[in-house]
Protein backbone atom coordinates (compact mmCIF):
# COMPACT_ATOMS: atom_id res chain seq x y z
CA MET A 1 -213.02 85.33 4.26
CA GLU A 2 -214.87 82.14 5.69
CA THR A 3 -213.72 81.29 9.20
CA LEU A 4 -214.22 78.47 11.61
CA ARG A 5 -214.82 78.45 14.96
CA GLY A 6 -213.44 76.04 17.39
CA ALA A 7 -216.62 74.72 17.81
CA ASP A 8 -217.27 73.93 14.10
CA ILE A 9 -213.91 71.97 14.12
CA VAL A 10 -215.41 69.81 16.75
CA ALA A 11 -218.58 68.99 15.08
CA ARG A 12 -216.95 68.75 11.69
CA SER A 13 -214.42 66.66 12.90
CA LEU A 14 -217.12 64.18 14.23
CA GLU A 15 -219.35 63.97 11.14
CA ARG A 16 -216.49 63.75 9.13
CA LEU A 17 -215.21 60.41 11.71
CA GLY A 18 -218.54 58.83 11.41
CA VAL A 19 -220.29 60.36 14.60
CA ARG A 20 -223.90 59.56 14.17
CA ARG A 21 -225.53 60.71 17.09
CA ILE A 22 -224.39 62.69 19.92
CA PHE A 23 -226.07 61.85 24.14
CA THR A 24 -226.16 65.57 25.53
CA LEU A 25 -226.93 68.02 28.01
CA SER A 26 -226.85 71.82 27.59
CA GLY A 27 -224.87 73.91 29.48
CA ASN A 28 -222.81 77.72 28.89
CA HIS A 29 -219.88 75.96 28.32
CA ILE A 30 -220.70 73.94 25.40
CA MET A 31 -223.40 76.10 23.73
CA PRO A 32 -221.09 77.01 20.51
CA VAL A 33 -220.84 73.44 20.26
CA PHE A 34 -224.80 72.83 20.20
CA ASP A 35 -224.91 75.80 17.55
CA ALA A 36 -222.01 74.32 15.40
CA LEU A 37 -223.78 70.66 15.18
CA LEU A 38 -226.62 72.33 13.58
CA GLU A 39 -224.64 72.60 10.35
CA THR A 40 -223.91 68.68 10.36
CA GLY A 41 -226.16 65.71 9.73
CA ILE A 42 -226.03 64.46 13.57
CA GLU A 43 -228.24 63.92 15.32
CA ILE A 44 -229.19 64.95 19.12
CA VAL A 45 -230.64 63.17 22.24
CA HIS A 46 -230.85 65.87 24.96
CA VAL A 47 -230.88 64.30 28.38
CA ARG A 48 -232.46 65.00 31.39
CA GLN A 49 -229.16 64.42 33.69
CA GLU A 50 -225.49 64.29 32.29
CA ALA A 51 -225.09 60.77 34.09
CA ALA A 52 -227.68 59.33 31.58
CA CYS A 53 -226.54 60.26 28.41
CA VAL A 54 -223.10 58.38 29.70
CA HIS A 55 -224.53 55.49 30.43
CA MET A 56 -226.65 55.71 26.68
CA ALA A 57 -223.40 56.41 24.97
CA ASP A 58 -222.10 53.23 26.60
CA ALA A 59 -224.81 51.33 25.73
CA TRP A 60 -224.53 52.92 22.15
CA GLY A 61 -220.93 51.63 21.94
CA ARG A 62 -221.71 48.00 23.61
CA LEU A 63 -224.74 47.89 20.90
CA THR A 64 -222.98 48.86 18.36
CA GLY A 65 -219.10 48.72 18.11
CA GLU A 66 -218.82 52.79 17.13
CA VAL A 67 -217.58 55.09 20.01
CA GLY A 68 -220.83 56.25 21.71
CA VAL A 69 -220.37 59.77 22.55
CA ALA A 70 -221.24 61.95 25.23
CA LEU A 71 -221.35 65.80 25.12
CA VAL A 72 -221.70 67.50 28.61
CA THR A 73 -220.89 71.29 29.84
CA GLY A 74 -218.40 71.89 32.34
CA GLY A 75 -218.21 72.16 36.57
CA GLN A 76 -220.42 69.97 38.03
CA GLY A 77 -222.13 68.90 34.56
CA HIS A 78 -218.51 67.20 34.05
CA ALA A 79 -218.60 65.92 37.52
CA ASN A 80 -222.00 64.17 36.98
CA GLY A 81 -221.20 62.63 33.86
CA ALA A 82 -217.75 61.65 34.86
CA ALA A 83 -219.42 59.17 37.43
CA ALA A 84 -220.87 57.10 34.96
CA LEU A 85 -217.63 56.27 33.31
CA PHE A 86 -216.77 53.93 35.66
CA THR A 87 -219.53 51.68 34.26
CA ALA A 88 -218.48 52.06 30.55
CA LEU A 89 -214.40 51.38 32.06
CA ALA A 90 -215.71 47.83 33.78
CA ALA A 91 -217.39 46.65 30.51
CA GLU A 92 -215.04 47.77 28.15
CA SER A 93 -217.31 49.99 26.40
CA PRO A 94 -215.88 52.62 23.70
CA VAL A 95 -216.96 56.16 24.80
CA LEU A 96 -216.11 59.58 24.28
CA LEU A 97 -216.79 62.14 27.11
CA LEU A 98 -216.77 65.47 25.88
CA SER A 99 -217.02 68.30 28.46
CA GLY A 100 -217.23 71.98 27.89
CA HIS A 101 -214.52 73.82 30.33
CA ALA A 102 -213.37 77.15 31.68
CA GLY A 103 -211.13 79.16 29.22
CA LEU A 104 -207.96 78.39 29.44
CA ASN A 105 -207.11 82.54 29.28
CA GLU A 106 -208.73 82.81 32.88
CA ARG A 107 -207.28 79.45 33.42
CA GLY A 108 -205.64 79.43 37.39
CA ARG A 109 -207.85 82.43 38.06
CA GLY A 110 -210.86 81.46 39.78
CA ALA A 111 -212.52 80.90 36.31
CA PHE A 112 -216.72 80.04 36.47
CA GLN A 113 -216.81 76.14 37.62
CA GLU A 114 -213.02 75.99 36.86
CA MET A 115 -211.78 72.40 37.95
CA ASP A 116 -209.11 69.93 37.08
CA GLN A 117 -211.54 67.95 35.16
CA ALA A 118 -209.01 66.13 33.54
CA GLY A 119 -207.67 64.90 36.77
CA ILE A 120 -210.86 64.08 37.77
CA ALA A 121 -211.64 61.76 34.43
CA ARG A 122 -208.44 59.88 34.29
CA PRO A 123 -209.08 56.89 36.80
CA MET A 124 -212.10 56.38 35.13
CA THR A 125 -210.78 56.27 31.70
CA LYS A 126 -207.81 54.99 29.28
CA ALA A 127 -207.13 58.34 28.32
CA SER A 128 -207.74 62.16 29.91
CA TRP A 129 -206.57 65.12 28.84
CA THR A 130 -207.91 69.21 28.27
CA ALA A 131 -207.42 70.44 24.22
CA THR A 132 -204.84 73.46 24.33
CA ALA A 133 -205.25 74.74 20.80
CA VAL A 134 -207.81 75.49 18.12
CA ALA A 135 -205.12 73.91 15.07
CA THR A 136 -205.20 70.67 17.17
CA LEU A 137 -209.25 70.02 17.67
CA GLY A 138 -209.55 68.05 14.95
CA SER A 139 -206.53 66.12 15.64
CA ASP A 140 -207.71 65.62 19.22
CA ILE A 141 -210.77 64.35 18.60
CA ALA A 142 -209.32 61.64 15.84
CA ARG A 143 -207.17 60.77 19.14
CA ALA A 144 -209.73 59.88 21.48
CA LEU A 145 -212.29 58.17 18.97
CA ARG A 146 -209.24 55.96 18.10
CA LEU A 147 -208.16 55.52 21.50
CA ALA A 148 -211.75 54.49 22.69
CA LYS A 149 -211.56 51.56 20.58
CA GLU A 150 -207.99 50.70 20.44
CA GLY A 151 -206.48 47.20 22.60
CA ARG A 152 -208.79 46.90 25.15
CA PRO A 153 -211.97 49.23 24.17
CA GLY A 154 -213.11 52.09 27.44
CA PRO A 155 -213.67 55.37 28.00
CA VAL A 156 -212.06 58.31 26.59
CA HIS A 157 -212.25 62.25 27.69
CA LEU A 158 -211.45 65.64 26.10
CA SER A 159 -212.34 68.93 27.84
CA LEU A 160 -213.02 71.21 25.77
CA PRO A 161 -212.17 75.12 27.21
CA VAL A 162 -215.06 77.37 25.82
CA ASP A 163 -212.17 80.30 23.93
CA LEU A 164 -211.20 77.77 22.37
CA LEU A 165 -214.96 76.46 20.97
CA ASP A 166 -215.43 80.73 20.17
CA HIS A 167 -212.43 81.25 18.97
CA ALA A 168 -212.23 81.88 14.53
CA VAL A 169 -209.75 80.80 12.55
CA PRO A 170 -209.33 81.17 8.59
CA ALA A 171 -211.27 77.92 7.05
CA ASP A 172 -208.37 77.79 4.58
CA THR A 173 -206.39 77.02 7.60
CA VAL A 174 -207.73 73.97 9.11
CA ARG A 175 -207.05 70.85 8.07
CA MET A 176 -210.04 68.22 8.76
CA PRO A 177 -209.41 65.25 10.11
CA ALA A 178 -208.92 61.49 9.23
CA ALA A 179 -209.90 58.80 10.92
CA ASP A 180 -206.82 57.19 12.91
CA ALA A 181 -206.57 53.46 12.23
CA VAL A 182 -207.62 51.59 14.59
CA ARG A 183 -204.87 48.89 15.04
CA GLU A 184 -205.82 45.67 15.40
CA GLN A 185 -202.81 43.64 17.37
CA ALA A 186 -203.21 40.08 16.21
CA PRO A 187 -201.49 37.58 18.23
CA GLU A 188 -198.21 35.36 16.56
CA PRO A 189 -198.36 32.33 15.11
CA GLY A 190 -196.79 30.81 17.91
CA LEU A 191 -198.89 31.53 20.27
CA VAL A 192 -201.82 30.25 18.68
CA ALA A 193 -200.22 26.97 18.43
CA ASP A 194 -198.80 27.16 21.67
CA LEU A 195 -202.82 27.40 22.72
CA ALA A 196 -203.76 25.17 20.87
CA ARG A 197 -201.25 22.60 21.98
CA HIS A 198 -202.26 23.10 25.63
CA ILE A 199 -205.95 23.12 24.71
CA ALA A 200 -205.49 19.63 23.16
CA GLY A 201 -203.14 17.97 25.52
CA ALA A 202 -205.64 19.51 28.23
CA GLU A 203 -208.79 17.11 30.03
CA ARG A 204 -211.15 20.11 31.09
CA PRO A 205 -210.15 23.58 29.69
CA LEU A 206 -212.57 26.35 29.78
CA ILE A 207 -212.11 29.62 27.19
CA LEU A 208 -213.00 32.56 29.18
CA CYS A 209 -213.47 36.13 27.54
CA GLY A 210 -213.79 39.38 28.86
CA PRO A 211 -216.77 42.34 28.32
CA ALA A 212 -215.77 43.28 25.49
CA LEU A 213 -216.19 40.42 23.17
CA CYS A 214 -220.22 39.94 25.07
CA ASP A 215 -221.67 42.49 22.51
CA PRO A 216 -223.52 40.98 19.87
CA ALA A 217 -220.72 40.57 17.28
CA GLY A 218 -218.23 39.26 19.92
CA ARG A 219 -221.03 36.67 21.53
CA ALA A 220 -221.35 35.27 17.59
CA ALA A 221 -217.64 34.89 17.50
CA MET A 222 -217.87 33.04 20.89
CA ALA A 223 -220.70 30.52 19.34
CA ALA A 224 -218.22 29.71 16.04
CA ALA A 225 -215.12 29.44 17.97
CA GLU A 226 -217.10 27.32 20.35
CA GLU A 227 -218.15 24.87 17.33
CA ARG A 228 -215.39 24.84 15.69
CA LEU A 229 -213.00 23.80 18.90
CA GLY A 230 -215.54 21.31 20.38
CA VAL A 231 -214.16 23.66 23.83
CA PRO A 232 -216.27 25.87 26.17
CA VAL A 233 -215.91 29.55 25.33
CA ILE A 234 -218.08 31.43 27.79
CA GLY A 235 -218.24 35.05 28.01
CA MET A 236 -218.01 37.12 31.57
CA GLU A 237 -219.66 40.42 32.50
CA SER A 238 -221.59 40.16 35.77
CA PRO A 239 -220.36 41.66 38.64
CA ARG A 240 -221.62 38.52 39.74
CA GLY A 241 -218.70 36.82 38.57
CA ILE A 242 -218.55 32.60 38.76
CA ASN A 243 -222.02 33.20 40.32
CA ASP A 244 -223.35 35.17 37.67
CA PRO A 245 -227.21 33.35 36.88
CA SER A 246 -226.60 33.58 33.51
CA LEU A 247 -224.41 31.19 33.69
CA GLY A 248 -226.35 28.37 35.40
CA ALA A 249 -224.22 26.08 37.64
CA PHE A 250 -220.78 27.76 35.92
CA ALA A 251 -219.43 28.01 38.98
CA GLU A 252 -219.36 24.14 39.78
CA VAL A 253 -217.34 23.37 36.09
CA LEU A 254 -214.83 25.98 36.77
CA GLY A 255 -213.49 24.28 40.13
CA LYS A 256 -213.09 21.03 37.82
CA ALA A 257 -211.13 23.04 34.80
CA ASP A 258 -207.65 22.00 34.35
CA LEU A 259 -206.60 24.60 31.84
CA LEU A 260 -208.17 28.20 32.02
CA VAL A 261 -207.48 30.53 28.71
CA LEU A 262 -208.27 33.79 29.26
CA VAL A 263 -209.49 35.98 25.81
CA GLY A 264 -208.91 39.06 27.14
CA LYS A 265 -210.77 38.82 30.70
CA ALA A 266 -208.71 39.96 33.21
CA LEU A 267 -208.33 37.50 36.62
CA ASP A 268 -210.06 39.73 38.70
CA PHE A 269 -212.88 39.61 41.90
CA THR A 270 -215.36 37.57 39.10
CA LEU A 271 -212.47 34.73 39.06
CA LYS A 272 -211.95 34.91 42.54
CA PHE A 273 -208.70 36.22 41.96
CA GLY A 274 -207.86 32.12 40.36
CA ASP A 275 -208.07 31.33 43.76
CA ALA A 276 -208.38 27.77 45.39
CA PRO A 277 -211.25 26.39 45.51
CA ALA A 278 -213.34 28.44 42.97
CA VAL A 279 -210.38 27.74 40.46
CA ALA A 280 -208.57 24.42 41.49
CA ALA A 281 -204.99 24.96 43.40
CA ASP A 282 -202.99 23.27 40.35
CA CYS A 283 -204.99 24.63 37.43
CA ARG A 284 -202.53 25.99 34.89
CA PHE A 285 -203.47 29.63 32.96
CA ALA A 286 -202.86 30.87 30.00
CA VAL A 287 -203.71 34.39 28.93
CA VAL A 288 -203.94 37.09 26.09
CA ASP A 289 -204.11 40.21 26.54
CA PRO A 290 -203.87 43.88 25.10
CA ASP A 291 -202.51 44.99 27.97
CA PRO A 292 -199.42 43.12 29.32
CA VAL A 293 -200.41 44.32 33.28
CA LEU A 294 -203.47 41.75 33.22
CA ILE A 295 -201.34 38.95 31.89
CA ALA A 296 -198.84 39.37 34.72
CA ARG A 297 -201.72 38.63 37.18
CA ALA A 298 -201.60 34.99 36.45
CA PRO A 299 -200.09 32.58 39.26
CA ALA A 300 -196.58 32.77 39.81
CA GLY A 301 -195.72 29.17 38.29
CA ARG A 302 -198.63 28.04 36.59
CA LEU A 303 -198.98 30.10 33.36
CA VAL A 304 -198.02 28.36 30.52
CA ALA A 305 -198.69 29.95 27.91
CA SER A 306 -198.98 34.22 27.11
CA GLY A 307 -199.00 37.11 24.38
CA VAL A 308 -199.88 40.19 24.26
CA ALA A 309 -202.19 41.10 21.22
CA ASP A 310 -206.45 41.79 20.82
CA PRO A 311 -208.90 39.41 21.98
CA ARG A 312 -211.01 39.57 18.94
CA PRO A 313 -208.24 38.36 16.20
CA THR A 314 -207.14 35.94 18.98
CA LEU A 315 -210.35 34.49 19.34
CA ALA A 316 -210.54 34.00 15.30
CA ALA A 317 -207.45 32.50 15.02
CA LEU A 318 -207.91 29.66 17.62
CA GLY A 319 -211.10 29.43 15.83
CA GLN A 320 -209.45 28.42 12.28
CA GLY A 321 -207.40 25.31 13.94
CA GLY A 322 -209.15 21.46 14.37
CA GLY A 323 -211.82 20.41 17.01
CA HIS A 324 -210.38 18.77 20.16
CA ALA A 325 -211.67 15.46 21.50
CA HIS A 326 -213.00 17.14 24.52
CA GLY A 327 -217.02 15.59 23.91
CA ALA A 328 -217.93 14.86 27.77
CA TRP A 329 -216.16 17.64 29.19
CA TYR A 330 -217.86 20.01 26.79
CA GLY A 331 -221.36 18.16 27.33
CA ALA A 332 -220.86 18.55 31.15
CA VAL A 333 -220.30 21.80 30.71
CA ARG A 334 -223.35 22.58 28.74
CA ALA A 335 -225.36 21.05 30.97
CA ALA A 336 -224.07 23.33 34.05
CA ARG A 337 -224.59 26.00 32.12
CA ALA A 338 -228.02 25.30 31.19
CA TYR A 339 -229.00 23.92 34.69
CA ARG A 340 -232.08 26.15 36.35
CA PRO A 341 -233.68 24.56 39.41
CA PRO A 342 -236.70 22.22 38.76
CA ALA A 343 -238.58 23.99 41.74
CA TRP A 344 -238.63 27.33 39.74
CA ALA A 345 -241.31 26.20 37.38
CA ASP A 346 -243.70 26.45 40.85
CA LEU A 347 -243.21 29.73 42.06
CA ALA A 348 -245.62 32.24 41.51
CA GLY A 349 -245.68 34.80 44.71
CA GLY A 350 -248.47 35.67 47.08
CA ALA A 351 -251.73 37.14 47.61
CA GLY A 352 -250.89 40.97 45.86
CA ARG A 353 -247.32 40.13 44.95
CA VAL A 354 -245.44 38.38 42.15
CA HIS A 355 -242.50 36.02 42.01
CA PRO A 356 -239.27 37.45 40.32
CA VAL A 357 -239.62 33.99 38.03
CA ALA A 358 -243.07 34.76 37.59
CA LEU A 359 -242.28 38.37 36.54
CA CYS A 360 -239.50 36.87 34.50
CA ARG A 361 -241.96 33.97 32.60
CA ALA A 362 -243.90 36.81 31.35
CA VAL A 363 -241.29 38.99 30.05
CA ASP A 364 -239.93 35.98 28.45
CA ALA A 365 -243.32 34.88 26.55
CA PHE A 366 -243.43 37.93 25.68
CA LEU A 367 -239.77 38.84 24.29
CA SER A 368 -239.91 34.92 22.91
CA GLU A 369 -243.09 37.02 20.54
CA HIS A 370 -240.55 39.78 19.23
CA PRO A 371 -237.08 37.83 18.73
CA GLU A 372 -235.48 41.29 17.44
CA GLY A 373 -236.14 42.92 20.88
CA THR A 374 -233.55 43.76 23.66
CA LEU A 375 -233.30 42.72 26.80
CA ILE A 376 -231.98 45.49 28.93
CA CYS A 377 -231.20 44.24 32.91
CA ASP A 378 -230.20 46.33 36.07
CA GLY A 379 -228.37 45.76 38.92
CA GLY A 380 -229.15 44.90 42.44
CA GLU A 381 -231.15 41.73 43.10
CA ILE A 382 -234.14 41.71 40.93
CA GLY A 383 -231.91 42.32 38.06
CA GLN A 384 -230.36 38.76 38.46
CA TRP A 385 -233.66 36.98 37.78
CA PRO A 386 -233.82 38.00 34.38
CA GLN A 387 -230.22 37.08 33.79
CA ALA A 388 -230.89 33.63 34.69
CA LEU A 389 -234.82 32.82 32.61
CA VAL A 390 -235.30 35.34 30.03
CA ARG A 391 -234.13 34.55 26.34
CA ALA A 392 -233.65 37.45 24.01
CA GLY A 393 -232.21 38.57 20.40
CA ARG A 394 -229.87 40.90 22.03
CA ARG A 395 -229.08 41.90 25.73
CA LEU A 396 -227.37 44.90 27.95
CA VAL A 397 -226.83 44.12 31.60
CA ASN A 398 -225.12 46.40 34.23
CA GLY A 399 -221.41 44.79 33.75
CA VAL A 400 -218.78 43.89 35.94
CA SER A 401 -218.58 47.22 37.63
CA GLY A 402 -221.66 46.38 39.31
CA THR A 403 -223.51 49.90 38.97
CA ILE A 404 -227.40 50.30 39.50
CA GLY A 405 -229.56 52.93 37.69
CA ALA A 406 -228.36 52.89 34.32
CA SER A 407 -231.29 50.70 32.32
CA ILE A 408 -233.74 53.54 31.10
CA PRO A 409 -230.44 55.43 29.69
CA PHE A 410 -229.76 52.14 27.84
CA ALA A 411 -233.20 51.45 27.13
CA ILE A 412 -233.32 54.64 25.45
CA ALA A 413 -230.09 54.19 23.42
CA ALA A 414 -231.30 50.74 22.85
CA ARG A 415 -234.70 51.95 21.27
CA ALA A 416 -232.82 54.76 19.29
CA GLU A 417 -229.83 51.94 17.84
CA ARG A 418 -232.96 49.97 16.64
CA PRO A 419 -236.42 51.47 16.38
CA GLU A 420 -238.50 49.20 15.14
CA ALA A 421 -237.73 46.67 17.99
CA PRO A 422 -239.06 46.76 21.29
CA VAL A 423 -236.82 47.35 24.18
CA VAL A 424 -237.30 45.94 27.56
CA ALA A 425 -235.60 46.63 30.82
CA VAL A 426 -236.13 44.92 34.22
CA LEU A 427 -235.13 47.24 37.29
CA GLY A 428 -236.08 47.18 40.86
CA ASP A 429 -237.79 50.25 42.52
CA GLY A 430 -234.69 51.80 44.16
CA THR A 431 -232.99 51.80 40.79
CA PHE A 432 -236.15 53.34 39.34
CA GLY A 433 -235.19 56.46 41.21
CA PHE A 434 -231.81 57.10 39.76
CA HIS A 435 -233.01 58.41 35.87
CA MET A 436 -237.37 58.35 35.96
CA ALA A 437 -236.89 61.70 34.43
CA GLU A 438 -235.24 60.07 31.24
CA PHE A 439 -239.00 59.73 30.19
CA ASP A 440 -239.47 62.69 29.28
CA THR A 441 -236.78 62.43 26.95
CA ALA A 442 -237.91 59.55 25.64
CA VAL A 443 -241.35 61.08 24.66
CA ARG A 444 -239.56 63.92 23.48
CA TYR A 445 -237.77 61.78 20.93
CA GLY A 446 -240.65 58.93 20.34
CA LEU A 447 -237.94 56.29 21.95
CA PRO A 448 -240.58 53.96 23.42
CA PHE A 449 -239.56 50.86 25.86
CA ILE A 450 -240.95 49.37 28.60
CA ALA A 451 -239.40 49.50 32.22
CA VAL A 452 -240.57 46.27 34.22
CA VAL A 453 -239.97 47.69 37.89
CA GLY A 454 -239.82 44.89 40.65
CA ASN A 455 -241.03 47.00 43.20
CA ASP A 456 -240.76 45.33 47.03
CA ALA A 457 -240.57 49.06 48.10
CA ARG A 458 -236.99 48.54 49.47
CA TRP A 459 -232.99 48.55 48.46
CA ASN A 460 -233.26 44.66 48.39
CA ALA A 461 -229.92 43.81 47.84
CA GLU A 462 -228.22 45.72 50.68
CA HIS A 463 -231.39 44.31 53.01
CA GLN A 464 -230.35 40.82 51.95
CA ILE A 465 -226.64 41.56 53.11
CA GLN A 466 -227.95 43.33 56.56
CA LEU A 467 -230.15 40.12 56.96
CA ARG A 468 -226.98 37.64 56.14
CA SER A 469 -224.77 39.50 58.08
CA TYR A 470 -226.24 40.87 61.32
CA GLY A 471 -229.81 39.25 61.33
CA PRO A 472 -233.41 40.18 60.98
CA GLU A 473 -233.96 42.50 63.99
CA ARG A 474 -230.65 44.64 62.46
CA THR A 475 -232.37 45.49 59.22
CA ARG A 476 -232.41 49.17 59.15
CA HIS A 477 -232.48 52.01 56.68
CA CYS A 478 -232.80 50.30 53.20
CA ASP A 479 -236.79 50.22 53.36
CA LEU A 480 -239.01 52.86 50.60
CA LEU A 481 -242.30 53.20 49.96
CA PRO A 482 -244.53 51.09 47.79
CA THR A 483 -244.55 54.12 44.86
CA ARG A 484 -247.03 53.93 41.89
CA TYR A 485 -243.67 54.29 39.93
CA ASP A 486 -246.25 53.68 36.56
CA GLU A 487 -248.35 57.08 37.71
CA VAL A 488 -244.94 59.19 37.60
CA ALA A 489 -244.59 57.58 33.84
CA ARG A 490 -247.82 58.93 33.02
CA ALA A 491 -247.43 61.81 34.47
CA LEU A 492 -244.17 62.36 32.13
CA GLY A 493 -246.59 61.99 28.98
CA GLY A 494 -245.86 57.88 28.80
CA PHE A 495 -247.78 54.60 30.00
CA GLY A 496 -248.24 53.24 33.49
CA ALA A 497 -250.09 50.16 34.65
CA LEU A 498 -249.95 48.19 38.00
CA VAL A 499 -249.77 44.42 38.22
CA THR A 500 -250.23 43.18 41.54
CA ALA A 501 -250.95 38.77 40.06
CA GLU A 502 -248.66 37.06 37.51
CA SER A 503 -252.45 37.03 34.75
CA GLU A 504 -251.88 41.04 34.95
CA LEU A 505 -248.53 40.54 33.31
CA GLY A 506 -249.10 39.72 29.62
CA PRO A 507 -252.31 41.64 28.78
CA ALA A 508 -249.49 44.92 30.69
CA LEU A 509 -246.87 44.08 28.75
CA ALA A 510 -248.85 43.60 25.30
CA ALA A 511 -250.99 46.79 26.30
CA ALA A 512 -247.72 48.63 27.30
CA HIS A 513 -246.43 48.02 23.74
CA ALA A 514 -249.47 48.94 21.80
CA SER A 515 -249.53 52.29 23.55
CA GLY A 516 -246.04 53.28 21.45
CA LEU A 517 -244.87 55.00 24.57
CA PRO A 518 -242.18 55.07 27.01
CA ALA A 519 -243.75 52.78 29.37
CA CYS A 520 -243.62 51.64 33.39
CA ILE A 521 -245.35 48.37 34.47
CA ASN A 522 -244.99 48.80 38.19
CA VAL A 523 -244.69 45.12 39.48
CA MET A 524 -246.06 44.28 43.18
CA ILE A 525 -243.22 41.72 43.71
CA GLU A 526 -241.94 39.76 46.26
CA SER A 527 -238.96 40.62 48.14
CA VAL A 528 -236.64 37.44 47.36
CA PRO A 529 -232.57 37.40 47.62
CA ALA A 530 -230.99 36.76 43.88
CA PRO A 531 -231.24 33.20 42.65
CA MET A 532 -227.80 30.98 43.47
CA ILE A 533 -227.68 28.52 41.03
CA ARG A 534 -226.22 25.58 42.74
CA ARG A 535 -227.37 21.50 41.73
CA PRO A 536 -228.15 19.03 44.38
CA ALA A 537 -225.00 17.25 45.36
């Protein structure tokens, strides 16, 4: 009689439900799943640290719209991986974290690496639970994949006890799951008409969309809606919020808006909570969100329309209406968003150092020759400059969580998703230390990318806080060594280049791309704060 282990049910369910690739780090509790995956067509990317595989799954989810799947072992493996869930949660990225787990038959008896894994992950997920029976493993997988995509997308966690994975049952008793339909909640026609009426009646409306609409498909949808409506439609996905440098002088026009239509955009710190003077004290709000709790955040007495619905069908429905006569306001917002200080054109850097603007000029020139390429921007001060200055066919940023360190895993996942197109990640020297060992992963799987490291030998974001808040005489404990990260990459099998002048950047990028290897271009930069874009009064 043919039998199936619980691990076989997990692996075959994932394949049946459309999972193409899993990012993972092996460990005792999940070796049965590793074995079972050999009988499927699912590709494996085996990484060097658990948080890295969750970041890769996060990038996969954001770039493809599929659920990115990470598989880690129990105990510390789970704890390491769970730390990266917060980044995916804030980015509204569909992710499934599968964690091995101590056996149910040993639970509560001091089992190896036993811990409350579901409880650890719960605050950083939409749902988190532990499987309880072999018979329900398939339905557990189907439910988790559906929840990750439904409503406001986000991460889901499922722990897999090792005794369930090892237990075998007759194959003819196993019912493999069908895909749970993802229920997309369209807005009521009356709500769409109400929104259109308020937009038409406003003088200076803005439609603001959240991170879930900042993926490639969502950006196309926002652009199409903006063109049809003649109203600014702006995606917000940065922890810098209204000071996101990719939005130019957006903060200036936000303060003049008389209506904010929030489509899947949380009213939170990124909008200064809607408080004056960032938002005018008499500005009205219209809020459409899959989560009623977020609708309730709108200021009392200023909410003119609201409804529970998903952002994509809401934006599509709004775009089906006629245009609105907001030409002057529309032009003013476009000009504010496009503004960059003219003085930036002359910034180059001093002896032996490159200004971040010059670094970005070179990256922009490289990606203009490769319009199918992907730009990855990490956090910190250096990560803001390419967001302001580099044009790319598609981009991925750290997200609303403000996490640093995800860019190398992001870059590997982006190259895996689009193997024929170059990927350039811009990150700081502090950030490089988080996941530098993943160069080994990229070499093993033949997934080249270019990491452009802005090296100022310090944790510059925190250094800038010290300067602003406490003065230069109290800047302590944020210094690093001017390490040769290019040699680190070379030692791990990649390409490395050291750059100390702007003239060296273009050739270094070309050589890195031509090498066909994961590459680190170690750029010695001037230590300057991130851009804060303001137009002269």
